[in-house]
Amino acid sequence: MTQLDLNTRWSLLETQLKESFGKEMTMESILFLIGVRELGSRPRPFTKEEKVDLMHIAICRLLAASGYYELDHLDQDGWPHWKLLKPLPHTDMFSQVHLLREHVLTYFEEEEIFES
């Protein structure tokens, strides 16, 4: 997949999210959305710490597709806990964003949340 393809797909996802939620979505808000979805919780107010935890859940879930994480267990409250399987690549910020975008797009496509 070329960079143009990634950017085009990303723009389409941003448009679909804006139409669904009525506002622009940042990477953080997209990760939060994925985290809430993975938690399987009904919408409710989350503390600042829970919001950070939800974004961590999303990142682990996304990077599990590339073998970086695996689901270890669910705690007594149903929150997933992940185990790091291999070190994350040490890259610059641009490469990290690119990696996350690729995984976010794959997540939305595989989960069939929006049409491509």
PDB file of N, CA and C in Angstrom:
ATOM      1  N   MET A   1       0.848  -1.177   0.000  1.00  0.00           N
ATOM      2  CA  MET A   1       0.000   0.000   0.000  1.00  0.00           C
ATOM      3  C   MET A   1       0.893   1.240   0.000  1.00  0.00           C
ATOM      4  N   THR A   2       0.647   2.149  -0.881  1.00  0.00           N
ATOM      5  CA  THR A   2       1.462   3.351  -0.977  1.00  0.00           C
ATOM      6  C   THR A   2       1.006   4.375   0.057  1.00  0.00           C
ATOM      7  N   GLN A   3       1.851   5.377   0.257  1.00  0.00           N
ATOM      8  CA  GLN A   3       1.517   6.448   1.196  1.00  0.00           C
ATOM      9  C   GLN A   3       0.233   7.148   0.766  1.00  0.00           C
ATOM     10  N   LEU A   4       0.063   7.358  -0.535  1.00  0.00           N
ATOM     11  CA  LEU A   4      -1.151   8.013  -1.027  1.00  0.00           C
ATOM     12  C   LEU A   4      -2.381   7.192  -0.663  1.00  0.00           C
ATOM     13  N   ASP A   5      -2.290   5.884  -0.827  1.00  0.00           N
ATOM     14  CA  ASP A   5      -3.408   5.029  -0.467  1.00  0.00           C
ATOM     15  C   ASP A   5      -3.740   5.154   1.016  1.00  0.00           C
ATOM     16  N   LEU A   6      -2.719   5.158   1.846  1.00  0.00           N
ATOM     17  CA  LEU A   6      -2.929   5.292   3.285  1.00  0.00           C
ATOM     18  C   LEU A   6      -3.591   6.635   3.592  1.00  0.00           C
ATOM     19  N   ASN A   7      -3.081   7.691   3.012  1.00  0.00           N
ATOM     20  CA  ASN A   7      -3.656   9.019   3.262  1.00  0.00           C
ATOM     21  C   ASN A   7      -5.093   9.117   2.774  1.00  0.00           C
ATOM     22  N   THR A   8      -5.366   8.534   1.628  1.00  0.00           N
ATOM     23  CA  THR A   8      -6.729   8.551   1.088  1.00  0.00           C
ATOM     24  C   THR A   8      -7.670   7.779   2.000  1.00  0.00           C
ATOM     25  N   ARG A   9      -7.257   6.599   2.426  1.00  0.00           N
ATOM     26  CA  ARG A   9      -8.074   5.787   3.318  1.00  0.00           C
ATOM     27  C   ARG A   9      -8.275   6.498   4.652  1.00  0.00           C
ATOM     28  N   TRP A  10      -7.229   7.140   5.152  1.00  0.00           N
ATOM     29  CA  TRP A  10      -7.315   7.853   6.425  1.00  0.00           C
ATOM     30  C   TRP A  10      -8.308   9.014   6.313  1.00  0.00           C
ATOM     31  N   SER A  11      -8.240   9.760   5.226  1.00  0.00           N
ATOM     32  CA  SER A  11      -9.172  10.876   5.016  1.00  0.00           C
ATOM     33  C   SER A  11     -10.610  10.388   4.964  1.00  0.00           C
ATOM     34  N   LEU A  12     -10.832   9.265   4.312  1.00  0.00           N
ATOM     35  CA  LEU A  12     -12.172   8.686   4.245  1.00  0.00           C
ATOM     36  C   LEU A  12     -12.667   8.309   5.638  1.00  0.00           C
ATOM     37  N   LEU A  13     -11.792   7.677   6.425  1.00  0.00           N
ATOM     38  CA  LEU A  13     -12.172   7.319   7.799  1.00  0.00           C
ATOM     39  C   LEU A  13     -12.492   8.563   8.614  1.00  0.00           C
ATOM     40  N   GLU A  14     -11.651   9.593   8.512  1.00  0.00           N
ATOM     41  CA  GLU A  14     -11.917  10.835   9.246  1.00  0.00           C
ATOM     42  C   GLU A  14     -13.276  11.423   8.862  1.00  0.00           C
ATOM     43  N   THR A  15     -13.596  11.392   7.577  1.00  0.00           N
ATOM     44  CA  THR A  15     -14.887  11.907   7.103  1.00  0.00           C
ATOM     45  C   THR A  15     -16.035  11.091   7.692  1.00  0.00           C
ATOM     46  N   GLN A  16     -15.895   9.766   7.670  1.00  0.00           N
ATOM     47  CA  GLN A  16     -16.949   8.908   8.205  1.00  0.00           C
ATOM     48  C   GLN A  16     -17.125   9.118   9.712  1.00  0.00           C
ATOM     49  N   LEU A  17     -16.028   9.267  10.430  1.00  0.00           N
ATOM     50  CA  LEU A  17     -16.116   9.513  11.874  1.00  0.00           C
ATOM     51  C   LEU A  17     -16.754  10.867  12.160  1.00  0.00           C
ATOM     52  N   LYS A  18     -16.397  11.882  11.380  1.00  0.00           N
ATOM     53  CA  LYS A  18     -16.982  13.219  11.577  1.00  0.00           C
ATOM     54  C   LYS A  18     -18.485  13.179  11.329  1.00  0.00           C
ATOM     55  N   GLU A  19     -18.896  12.443  10.292  1.00  0.00           N
ATOM     56  CA  GLU A  19     -20.330  12.324  10.011  1.00  0.00           C
ATOM     57  C   GLU A  19     -21.055  11.591  11.131  1.00  0.00           C
ATOM     58  N   SER A  20     -20.410  10.576  11.710  1.00  0.00           N
ATOM     59  CA  SER A  20     -21.044   9.787  12.771  1.00  0.00           C
ATOM     60  C   SER A  20     -21.100  10.526  14.108  1.00  0.00           C
ATOM     61  N   PHE A  21     -20.036  11.288  14.421  1.00  0.00           N
ATOM     62  CA  PHE A  21     -19.938  11.910  15.749  1.00  0.00           C
ATOM     63  C   PHE A  21     -20.129  13.419  15.730  1.00  0.00           C
ATOM     64  N   GLY A  22     -20.208  14.002  14.536  1.00  0.00           N
ATOM     65  CA  GLY A  22     -20.479  15.429  14.434  1.00  0.00           C
ATOM     66  C   GLY A  22     -19.320  16.330  14.776  1.00  0.00           C
ATOM     67  N   LYS A  23     -18.114  15.772  14.814  1.00  0.00           N
ATOM     68  CA  LYS A  23     -16.933  16.592  15.093  1.00  0.00           C
ATOM     69  C   LYS A  23     -15.696  15.890  14.566  1.00  0.00           C
ATOM     70  N   GLU A  24     -14.637  16.687  14.407  1.00  0.00           N
ATOM     71  CA  GLU A  24     -13.349  16.141  13.975  1.00  0.00           C
ATOM     72  C   GLU A  24     -12.826  15.203  15.055  1.00  0.00           C
ATOM     73  N   MET A  25     -12.214  14.117  14.619  1.00  0.00           N
ATOM     74  CA  MET A  25     -11.669  13.142  15.567  1.00  0.00           C
ATOM     75  C   MET A  25     -10.143  13.149  15.468  1.00  0.00           C
ATOM     76  N   THR A  26      -9.484  13.349  16.604  1.00  0.00           N
ATOM     77  CA  THR A  26      -8.028  13.267  16.660  1.00  0.00           C
ATOM     78  C   THR A  26      -7.625  11.803  16.822  1.00  0.00           C
ATOM     79  N   MET A  27      -6.342  11.524  16.698  1.00  0.00           N
ATOM     80  CA  MET A  27      -5.870  10.162  16.921  1.00  0.00           C
ATOM     81  C   MET A  27      -6.236   9.722  18.336  1.00  0.00           C
ATOM     82  N   GLU A  28      -6.099  10.615  19.303  1.00  0.00           N
ATOM     83  CA  GLU A  28      -6.432  10.269  20.687  1.00  0.00           C
ATOM     84  C   GLU A  28      -7.902   9.909  20.830  1.00  0.00           C
ATOM     85  N   SER A  29      -8.772  10.673  20.180  1.00  0.00           N
ATOM     86  CA  SER A  29     -10.200  10.378  20.298  1.00  0.00           C
ATOM     87  C   SER A  29     -10.555   9.083  19.566  1.00  0.00           C
ATOM     88  N   ILE A  30      -9.861   8.779  18.483  1.00  0.00           N
ATOM     89  CA  ILE A  30     -10.083   7.516  17.778  1.00  0.00           C
ATOM     90  C   ILE A  30      -9.620   6.348  18.646  1.00  0.00           C
ATOM     91  N   LEU A  31      -8.467   6.506  19.289  1.00  0.00           N
ATOM     92  CA  LEU A  31      -7.981   5.451  20.192  1.00  0.00           C
ATOM     93  C   LEU A  31      -8.945   5.269  21.364  1.00  0.00           C
ATOM     94  N   PHE A  32      -9.458   6.364  21.901  1.00  0.00           N
ATOM     95  CA  PHE A  32     -10.435   6.287  22.988  1.00  0.00           C
ATOM     96  C   PHE A  32     -11.673   5.516  22.528  1.00  0.00           C
ATOM     97  N   LEU A  33     -12.163   5.827  21.339  1.00  0.00           N
ATOM     98  CA  LEU A  33     -13.330   5.153  20.772  1.00  0.00           C
ATOM     99  C   LEU A  33     -13.076   3.647  20.643  1.00  0.00           C
ATOM    100  N   ILE A  34     -11.918   3.272  20.129  1.00  0.00           N
ATOM    101  CA  ILE A  34     -11.577   1.854  19.995  1.00  0.00           C
ATOM    102  C   ILE A  34     -11.485   1.204  21.369  1.00  0.00           C
ATOM    103  N   GLY A  35     -10.875   1.897  22.320  1.00  0.00           N
ATOM    104  CA  GLY A  35     -10.754   1.360  23.677  1.00  0.00           C
ATOM    105  C   GLY A  35     -12.102   1.096  24.315  1.00  0.00           C
ATOM    106  N   VAL A  36     -13.024   2.035  24.177  1.00  0.00           N
ATOM    107  CA  VAL A  36     -14.379   1.856  24.726  1.00  0.00           C
ATOM    108  C   VAL A  36     -15.052   0.667  24.053  1.00  0.00           C
ATOM    109  N   ARG A  37     -14.889   0.575  22.743  1.00  0.00           N
ATOM    110  CA  ARG A  37     -15.482  -0.535  21.998  1.00  0.00           C
ATOM    111  C   ARG A  37     -14.907  -1.872  22.467  1.00  0.00           C
ATOM    112  N   GLU A  38     -13.604  -1.915  22.678  1.00  0.00           N
ATOM    113  CA  GLU A  38     -12.960  -3.152  23.115  1.00  0.00           C
ATOM    114  C   GLU A  38     -13.330  -3.511  24.553  1.00  0.00           C
ATOM    115  N   LEU A  39     -13.547  -2.501  25.374  1.00  0.00           N
ATOM    116  CA  LEU A  39     -13.968  -2.741  26.748  1.00  0.00           C
ATOM    117  C   LEU A  39     -15.365  -3.343  26.769  1.00  0.00           C
ATOM    118  N   GLY A  40     -16.178  -2.937  25.800  1.00  0.00           N
ATOM    119  CA  GLY A  40     -17.534  -3.469  25.723  1.00  0.00           C
ATOM    120  C   GLY A  40     -18.459  -2.845  26.745  1.00  0.00           C
ATOM    121  N   SER A  41     -18.079  -1.704  27.240  1.00  0.00           N
ATOM    122  CA  SER A  41     -18.857  -1.010  28.260  1.00  0.00           C
ATOM    123  C   SER A  41     -19.891  -0.093  27.617  1.00  0.00           C
ATOM    124  N   ARG A  42     -20.977   0.089  28.326  1.00  0.00           N
ATOM    125  CA  ARG A  42     -21.938   1.099  27.885  1.00  0.00           C
ATOM    126  C   ARG A  42     -21.297   2.467  28.062  1.00  0.00           C
ATOM    127  N   PRO A  43     -21.701   3.426  27.241  1.00  0.00           N
ATOM    128  CA  PRO A  43     -21.155   4.776  27.409  1.00  0.00           C
ATOM    129  C   PRO A  43     -21.427   5.292  28.825  1.00  0.00           C
ATOM    130  N   ARG A  44     -20.411   5.845  29.419  1.00  0.00           N
ATOM    131  CA  ARG A  44     -20.511   6.418  30.758  1.00  0.00           C
ATOM    132  C   ARG A  44     -19.363   7.393  30.929  1.00  0.00           C
ATOM    133  N   PRO A  45     -19.417   8.225  31.930  1.00  0.00           N
ATOM    134  CA  PRO A  45     -18.271   9.113  32.170  1.00  0.00           C
ATOM    135  C   PRO A  45     -17.063   8.291  32.648  1.00  0.00           C
ATOM    136  N   PHE A  46     -15.905   8.577  32.098  1.00  0.00           N
ATOM    137  CA  PHE A  46     -14.680   7.915  32.511  1.00  0.00           C
ATOM    138  C   PHE A  46     -13.771   8.938  33.180  1.00  0.00           C
ATOM    139  N   THR A  47     -13.008   8.484  34.172  1.00  0.00           N
ATOM    140  CA  THR A  47     -12.029   9.358  34.800  1.00  0.00           C
ATOM    141  C   THR A  47     -10.884   9.586  33.823  1.00  0.00           C
ATOM    142  N   LYS A  48     -10.048  10.561  34.130  1.00  0.00           N
ATOM    143  CA  LYS A  48      -8.888  10.842  33.283  1.00  0.00           C
ATOM    144  C   LYS A  48      -7.995   9.603  33.186  1.00  0.00           C
ATOM    145  N   GLU A  49      -7.788   8.917  34.300  1.00  0.00           N
ATOM    146  CA  GLU A  49      -6.962   7.709  34.315  1.00  0.00           C
ATOM    147  C   GLU A  49      -7.597   6.605  33.461  1.00  0.00           C
ATOM    148  N   GLU A  50      -8.907   6.452  33.549  1.00  0.00           N
ATOM    149  CA  GLU A  50      -9.594   5.445  32.735  1.00  0.00           C
ATOM    150  C   GLU A  50      -9.482   5.767  31.246  1.00  0.00           C
ATOM    151  N   LYS A  51      -9.537   7.058  30.899  1.00  0.00           N
ATOM    152  CA  LYS A  51      -9.394   7.452  29.492  1.00  0.00           C
ATOM    153  C   LYS A  51      -8.018   7.065  28.962  1.00  0.00           C
ATOM    154  N   VAL A  52      -6.991   7.279  29.769  1.00  0.00           N
ATOM    155  CA  VAL A  52      -5.634   6.871  29.380  1.00  0.00           C
ATOM    156  C   VAL A  52      -5.572   5.356  29.245  1.00  0.00           C
ATOM    157  N   ASP A  53      -6.181   4.646  30.186  1.00  0.00           N
ATOM    158  CA  ASP A  53      -6.215   3.178  30.124  1.00  0.00           C
ATOM    159  C   ASP A  53      -6.942   2.690  28.877  1.00  0.00           C
ATOM    160  N   LEU A  54      -8.025   3.364  28.501  1.00  0.00           N
ATOM    161  CA  LEU A  54      -8.778   2.985  27.307  1.00  0.00           C
ATOM    162  C   LEU A  54      -7.938   3.165  26.042  1.00  0.00           C
ATOM    163  N   MET A  55      -7.157   4.235  25.987  1.00  0.00           N
ATOM    164  CA  MET A  55      -6.279   4.441  24.832  1.00  0.00           C
ATOM    165  C   MET A  55      -5.184   3.374  24.802  1.00  0.00           C
ATOM    166  N   HIS A  56      -4.708   2.972  25.978  1.00  0.00           N
ATOM    167  CA  HIS A  56      -3.712   1.898  26.053  1.00  0.00           C
ATOM    168  C   HIS A  56      -4.316   0.577  25.563  1.00  0.00           C
ATOM    169  N   ILE A  57      -5.542   0.298  25.964  1.00  0.00           N
ATOM    170  CA  ILE A  57      -6.241  -0.906  25.494  1.00  0.00           C
ATOM    171  C   ILE A  57      -6.309  -0.888  23.966  1.00  0.00           C
ATOM    172  N   ALA A  58      -6.646   0.259  23.407  1.00  0.00           N
ATOM    173  CA  ALA A  58      -6.753   0.376  21.951  1.00  0.00           C
ATOM    174  C   ALA A  58      -5.414   0.110  21.276  1.00  0.00           C
ATOM    175  N   ILE A  59      -4.359   0.720  21.784  1.00  0.00           N
ATOM    176  CA  ILE A  59      -3.042   0.538  21.179  1.00  0.00           C
ATOM    177  C   ILE A  59      -2.626  -0.924  21.244  1.00  0.00           C
ATOM    178  N   CYS A  60      -2.834  -1.545  22.389  1.00  0.00           N
ATOM    179  CA  CYS A  60      -2.484  -2.971  22.525  1.00  0.00           C
ATOM    180  C   CYS A  60      -3.303  -3.817  21.569  1.00  0.00           C
ATOM    181  N   ARG A  61      -4.594  -3.539  21.482  1.00  0.00           N
ATOM    182  CA  ARG A  61      -5.472  -4.302  20.589  1.00  0.00           C
ATOM    183  C   ARG A  61      -5.040  -4.134  19.138  1.00  0.00           C
ATOM    184  N   LEU A  62      -4.716  -2.909  18.757  1.00  0.00           N
ATOM    185  CA  LEU A  62      -4.297  -2.636  17.385  1.00  0.00           C
ATOM    186  C   LEU A  62      -2.979  -3.335  17.062  1.00  0.00           C
ATOM    187  N   LEU A  63      -2.004  -3.215  17.962  1.00  0.00           N
ATOM    188  CA  LEU A  63      -0.685  -3.773  17.692  1.00  0.00           C
ATOM    189  C   LEU A  63      -0.616  -5.283  17.911  1.00  0.00           C
ATOM    190  N   ALA A  64      -1.652  -5.850  18.508  1.00  0.00           N
ATOM    191  CA  ALA A  64      -1.726  -7.313  18.631  1.00  0.00           C
ATOM    192  C   ALA A  64      -1.785  -7.946  17.246  1.00  0.00           C
ATOM    193  N   ALA A  65      -2.353  -7.244  16.285  1.00  0.00           N
ATOM    194  CA  ALA A  65      -2.454  -7.760  14.922  1.00  0.00           C
ATOM    195  C   ALA A  65      -1.080  -7.977  14.294  1.00  0.00           C
ATOM    196  N   SER A  66      -0.077  -7.264  14.780  1.00  0.00           N
ATOM    197  CA  SER A  66       1.288  -7.420  14.271  1.00  0.00           C
ATOM    198  C   SER A  66       2.166  -8.210  15.233  1.00  0.00           C
ATOM    199  N   GLY A  67       1.546  -8.834  16.232  1.00  0.00           N
ATOM    200  CA  GLY A  67       2.290  -9.697  17.135  1.00  0.00           C
ATOM    201  C   GLY A  67       3.041  -9.005  18.250  1.00  0.00           C
ATOM    202  N   TYR A  68       2.749  -7.743  18.502  1.00  0.00           N
ATOM    203  CA  TYR A  68       3.430  -7.030  19.588  1.00  0.00           C
ATOM    204  C   TYR A  68       2.808  -7.324  20.947  1.00  0.00           C
ATOM    205  N   TYR A  69       1.512  -7.525  20.974  1.00  0.00           N
ATOM    206  CA  TYR A  69       0.799  -7.772  22.224  1.00  0.00           C
ATOM    207  C   TYR A  69      -0.110  -8.975  22.072  1.00  0.00           C
ATOM    208  N   GLU A  70      -0.468  -9.543  23.221  1.00  0.00           N
ATOM    209  CA  GLU A  70      -1.489 -10.580  23.246  1.00  0.00           C
ATOM    210  C   GLU A  70      -2.324 -10.349  24.498  1.00  0.00           C
ATOM    211  N   LEU A  71      -3.606 -10.634  24.368  1.00  0.00           N
ATOM    212  CA  LEU A  71      -4.504 -10.473  25.513  1.00  0.00           C
ATOM    213  C   LEU A  71      -4.087 -11.461  26.591  1.00  0.00           C
ATOM    214  N   ASP A  72      -3.837 -10.946  27.784  1.00  0.00           N
ATOM    215  CA  ASP A  72      -3.396 -11.786  28.903  1.00  0.00           C
ATOM    216  C   ASP A  72      -4.596 -12.254  29.723  1.00  0.00           C
ATOM    217  N   HIS A  73      -5.422 -11.298  30.146  1.00  0.00           N
ATOM    218  CA  HIS A  73      -6.596 -11.649  30.945  1.00  0.00           C
ATOM    219  C   HIS A  73      -7.515 -10.439  31.081  1.00  0.00           C
ATOM    220  N   LEU A  74      -8.711 -10.706  31.552  1.00  0.00           N
ATOM    221  CA  LEU A  74      -9.642  -9.652  31.934  1.00  0.00           C
ATOM    222  C   LEU A  74      -9.666  -9.597  33.452  1.00  0.00           C
ATOM    223  N   ASP A  75      -9.616  -8.389  34.003  1.00  0.00           N
ATOM    224  CA  ASP A  75      -9.664  -8.288  35.460  1.00  0.00           C
ATOM    225  C   ASP A  75     -11.101  -8.445  35.959  1.00  0.00           C
ATOM    226  N   GLN A  76     -11.297  -8.331  37.271  1.00  0.00           N
ATOM    227  CA  GLN A  76     -12.615  -8.558  37.866  1.00  0.00           C
ATOM    228  C   GLN A  76     -13.660  -7.560  37.384  1.00  0.00           C
ATOM    229  N   ASP A  77     -13.215  -6.417  36.849  1.00  0.00           N
ATOM    230  CA  ASP A  77     -14.149  -5.422  36.328  1.00  0.00           C
ATOM    231  C   ASP A  77     -14.332  -5.540  34.814  1.00  0.00           C
ATOM    232  N   GLY A  78     -13.707  -6.541  34.205  1.00  0.00           N
ATOM    233  CA  GLY A  78     -13.849  -6.763  32.771  1.00  0.00           C
ATOM    234  C   GLY A  78     -12.882  -5.980  31.899  1.00  0.00           C
ATOM    235  N   TRP A  79     -11.895  -5.330  32.524  1.00  0.00           N
ATOM    236  CA  TRP A  79     -10.913  -4.567  31.756  1.00  0.00           C
ATOM    237  C   TRP A  79      -9.842  -5.517  31.239  1.00  0.00           C
ATOM    238  N   PRO A  80      -9.540  -5.445  29.932  1.00  0.00           N
ATOM    239  CA  PRO A  80      -8.505  -6.325  29.377  1.00  0.00           C
ATOM    240  C   PRO A  80      -7.106  -5.864  29.778  1.00  0.00           C
ATOM    241  N   HIS A  81      -6.244  -6.851  29.989  1.00  0.00           N
ATOM    242  CA  HIS A  81      -4.828  -6.593  30.282  1.00  0.00           C
ATOM    243  C   HIS A  81      -4.019  -7.346  29.244  1.00  0.00           C
ATOM    244  N   TRP A  82      -3.025  -6.671  28.705  1.00  0.00           N
ATOM    245  CA  TRP A  82      -2.258  -7.188  27.578  1.00  0.00           C
ATOM    246  C   TRP A  82      -0.825  -7.496  27.996  1.00  0.00           C
ATOM    247  N   LYS A  83      -0.233  -8.449  27.321  1.00  0.00           N
ATOM    248  CA  LYS A  83       1.151  -8.833  27.567  1.00  0.00           C
ATOM    249  C   LYS A  83       1.966  -8.452  26.329  1.00  0.00           C
ATOM    250  N   LEU A  84       3.089  -7.756  26.550  1.00  0.00           N
ATOM    251  CA  LEU A  84       3.993  -7.395  25.469  1.00  0.00           C
ATOM    252  C   LEU A  84       4.746  -8.647  25.030  1.00  0.00           C
ATOM    253  N   LEU A  85       4.692  -8.970  23.742  1.00  0.00           N
ATOM    254  CA  LEU A  85       5.350 -10.166  23.227  1.00  0.00           C
ATOM    255  C   LEU A  85       6.707  -9.873  22.617  1.00  0.00           C
ATOM    256  N   LYS A  86       6.843  -8.698  22.014  1.00  0.00           N
ATOM    257  CA  LYS A  86       8.121  -8.302  21.433  1.00  0.00           C
ATOM    258  C   LYS A  86       8.240  -6.790  21.526  1.00  0.00           C
ATOM    259  N   PRO A  87       9.454  -6.303  21.609  1.00  0.00           N
ATOM    260  CA  PRO A  87       9.643  -4.851  21.761  1.00  0.00           C
ATOM    261  C   PRO A  87       9.080  -4.087  20.566  1.00  0.00           C
ATOM    262  N   LEU A  88       8.514  -2.956  20.879  1.00  0.00           N
ATOM    263  CA  LEU A  88       8.018  -2.073  19.825  1.00  0.00           C
ATOM    264  C   LEU A  88       9.210  -1.453  19.105  1.00  0.00           C
ATOM    265  N   PRO A  89       9.068  -1.193  17.810  1.00  0.00           N
ATOM    266  CA  PRO A  89      10.197  -0.602  17.080  1.00  0.00           C
ATOM    267  C   PRO A  89      10.478   0.813  17.571  1.00  0.00           C
ATOM    268  N   HIS A  90      11.759   1.138  17.653  1.00  0.00           N
ATOM    269  CA  HIS A  90      12.161   2.502  18.031  1.00  0.00           C
ATOM    270  C   HIS A  90      12.224   3.323  16.753  1.00  0.00           C
ATOM    271  N   THR A  91      11.224   4.183  16.591  1.00  0.00           N
ATOM    272  CA  THR A  91      11.129   4.980  15.371  1.00  0.00           C
ATOM    273  C   THR A  91      10.808   6.419  15.729  1.00  0.00           C
ATOM    274  N   ASP A  92      10.834   7.260  14.713  1.00  0.00           N
ATOM    275  CA  ASP A  92      10.476   8.662  14.922  1.00  0.00           C
ATOM    276  C   ASP A  92       8.958   8.804  15.017  1.00  0.00           C
ATOM    277  N   MET A  93       8.507   9.981  15.398  1.00  0.00           N
ATOM    278  CA  MET A  93       7.090  10.235  15.609  1.00  0.00           C
ATOM    279  C   MET A  93       6.286  10.002  14.328  1.00  0.00           C
ATOM    280  N   PHE A  94       6.806  10.423  13.174  1.00  0.00           N
ATOM    281  CA  PHE A  94       6.109  10.231  11.907  1.00  0.00           C
ATOM    282  C   PHE A  94       5.854   8.751  11.649  1.00  0.00           C
ATOM    283  N   SER A  95       6.862   7.917  11.884  1.00  0.00           N
ATOM    284  CA  SER A  95       6.720   6.471  11.662  1.00  0.00           C
ATOM    285  C   SER A  95       5.742   5.854  12.648  1.00  0.00           C
ATOM    286  N   GLN A  96       5.726   6.351  13.884  1.00  0.00           N
ATOM    287  CA  GLN A  96       4.782   5.843  14.874  1.00  0.00           C
ATOM    288  C   GLN A  96       3.346   6.169  14.467  1.00  0.00           C
ATOM    289  N   VAL A  97       3.119   7.386  14.012  1.00  0.00           N
ATOM    290  CA  VAL A  97       1.784   7.791  13.576  1.00  0.00           C
ATOM    291  C   VAL A  97       1.372   6.962  12.360  1.00  0.00           C
ATOM    292  N   HIS A  98       2.304   6.762  11.433  1.00  0.00           N
ATOM    293  CA  HIS A  98       2.033   5.955  10.242  1.00  0.00           C
ATOM    294  C   HIS A  98       1.633   4.533  10.650  1.00  0.00           C
ATOM    295  N   LEU A  99       2.381   3.930  11.566  1.00  0.00           N
ATOM    296  CA  LEU A  99       2.091   2.573  12.040  1.00  0.00           C
ATOM    297  C   LEU A  99       0.706   2.512  12.679  1.00  0.00           C
ATOM    298  N   LEU A 100       0.401   3.474  13.542  1.00  0.00           N
ATOM    299  CA  LEU A 100      -0.911   3.491  14.193  1.00  0.00           C
ATOM    300  C   LEU A 100      -2.033   3.696  13.181  1.00  0.00           C
ATOM    301  N   ARG A 101      -1.829   4.593  12.227  1.00  0.00           N
ATOM    302  CA  ARG A 101      -2.864   4.818  11.214  1.00  0.00           C
ATOM    303  C   ARG A 101      -3.146   3.542  10.429  1.00  0.00           C
ATOM    304  N   GLU A 102      -2.086   2.843  10.042  1.00  0.00           N
ATOM    305  CA  GLU A 102      -2.281   1.589   9.307  1.00  0.00           C
ATOM    306  C   GLU A 102      -3.116   0.608  10.124  1.00  0.00           C
ATOM    307  N   HIS A 103      -2.787   0.487  11.411  1.00  0.00           N
ATOM    308  CA  HIS A 103      -3.499  -0.459  12.269  1.00  0.00           C
ATOM    309  C   HIS A 103      -4.932  -0.014  12.554  1.00  0.00           C
ATOM    310  N   VAL A 104      -5.151   1.293  12.715  1.00  0.00           N
ATOM    311  CA  VAL A 104      -6.505   1.803  12.929  1.00  0.00           C
ATOM    312  C   VAL A 104      -7.358   1.500  11.698  1.00  0.00           C
ATOM    313  N   LEU A 105      -6.823   1.774  10.527  1.00  0.00           N
ATOM    314  CA  LEU A 105      -7.565   1.497   9.291  1.00  0.00           C
ATOM    315  C   LEU A 105      -7.893   0.018   9.165  1.00  0.00           C
ATOM    316  N   THR A 106      -6.929  -0.830   9.441  1.00  0.00           N
ATOM    317  CA  THR A 106      -7.161  -2.274   9.382  1.00  0.00           C
ATOM    318  C   THR A 106      -8.244  -2.674  10.373  1.00  0.00           C
ATOM    319  N   TYR A 107      -8.199  -2.115  11.587  1.00  0.00           N
ATOM    320  CA  TYR A 107      -9.201  -2.408  12.614  1.00  0.00           C
ATOM    321  C   TYR A 107     -10.601  -2.069  12.115  1.00  0.00           C
ATOM    322  N   PHE A 108     -10.780  -0.858  11.616  1.00  0.00           N
ATOM    323  CA  PHE A 108     -12.104  -0.434  11.160  1.00  0.00           C
ATOM    324  C   PHE A 108     -12.556  -1.262   9.956  1.00  0.00           C
ATOM    325  N   GLU A 109     -11.632  -1.624   9.080  1.00  0.00           N
ATOM    326  CA  GLU A 109     -11.985  -2.424   7.915  1.00  0.00           C
ATOM    327  C   GLU A 109     -12.337  -3.857   8.329  1.00  0.00           C
ATOM    328  N   GLU A 110     -11.521  -4.469   9.182  1.00  0.00           N
ATOM    329  CA  GLU A 110     -11.775  -5.841   9.598  1.00  0.00           C
ATOM    330  C   GLU A 110     -13.034  -5.963  10.457  1.00  0.00           C
ATOM    331  N   GLU A 111     -13.281  -4.986  11.288  1.00  0.00           N
ATOM    332  CA  GLU A 111     -14.461  -5.001  12.135  1.00  0.00           C
ATOM    333  C   GLU A 111     -15.698  -4.543  11.363  1.00  0.00           C
ATOM    334  N   GLU A 112     -15.489  -4.120  10.118  1.00  0.00           N
ATOM    335  CA  GLU A 112     -16.568  -3.666   9.239  1.00  0.00           C
ATOM    336  C   GLU A 112     -17.420  -2.586   9.896  1.00  0.00           C
ATOM    337  N   ILE A 113     -16.728  -1.651  10.547  1.00  0.00           N
ATOM    338  CA  ILE A 113     -17.415  -0.555  11.214  1.00  0.00           C
ATOM    339  C   ILE A 113     -17.897   0.461  10.193  1.00  0.00           C
ATOM    340  N   PHE A 114     -17.058   0.741   9.206  1.00  0.00           N
ATOM    341  CA  PHE A 114     -17.432   1.624   8.114  1.00  0.00           C
ATOM    342  C   PHE A 114     -17.082   0.917   6.824  1.00  0.00           C
ATOM    343  N   GLU A 115     -17.773   1.287   5.757  1.00  0.00           N
ATOM    344  CA  GLU A 115     -17.422   0.739   4.449  1.00  0.00           C
ATOM    345  C   GLU A 115     -16.197   1.426   3.922  1.00  0.00           C
ATOM    346  N   SER A 116     -15.328   0.684   3.219  1.00  0.00           N
ATOM    347  CA  SER A 116     -14.114   1.263   2.639  1.00  0.00           C
ATOM    348  C   SER A 116     -14.434   2.027   1.376  1.00  0.00           C
TER     349      SER A 116
END
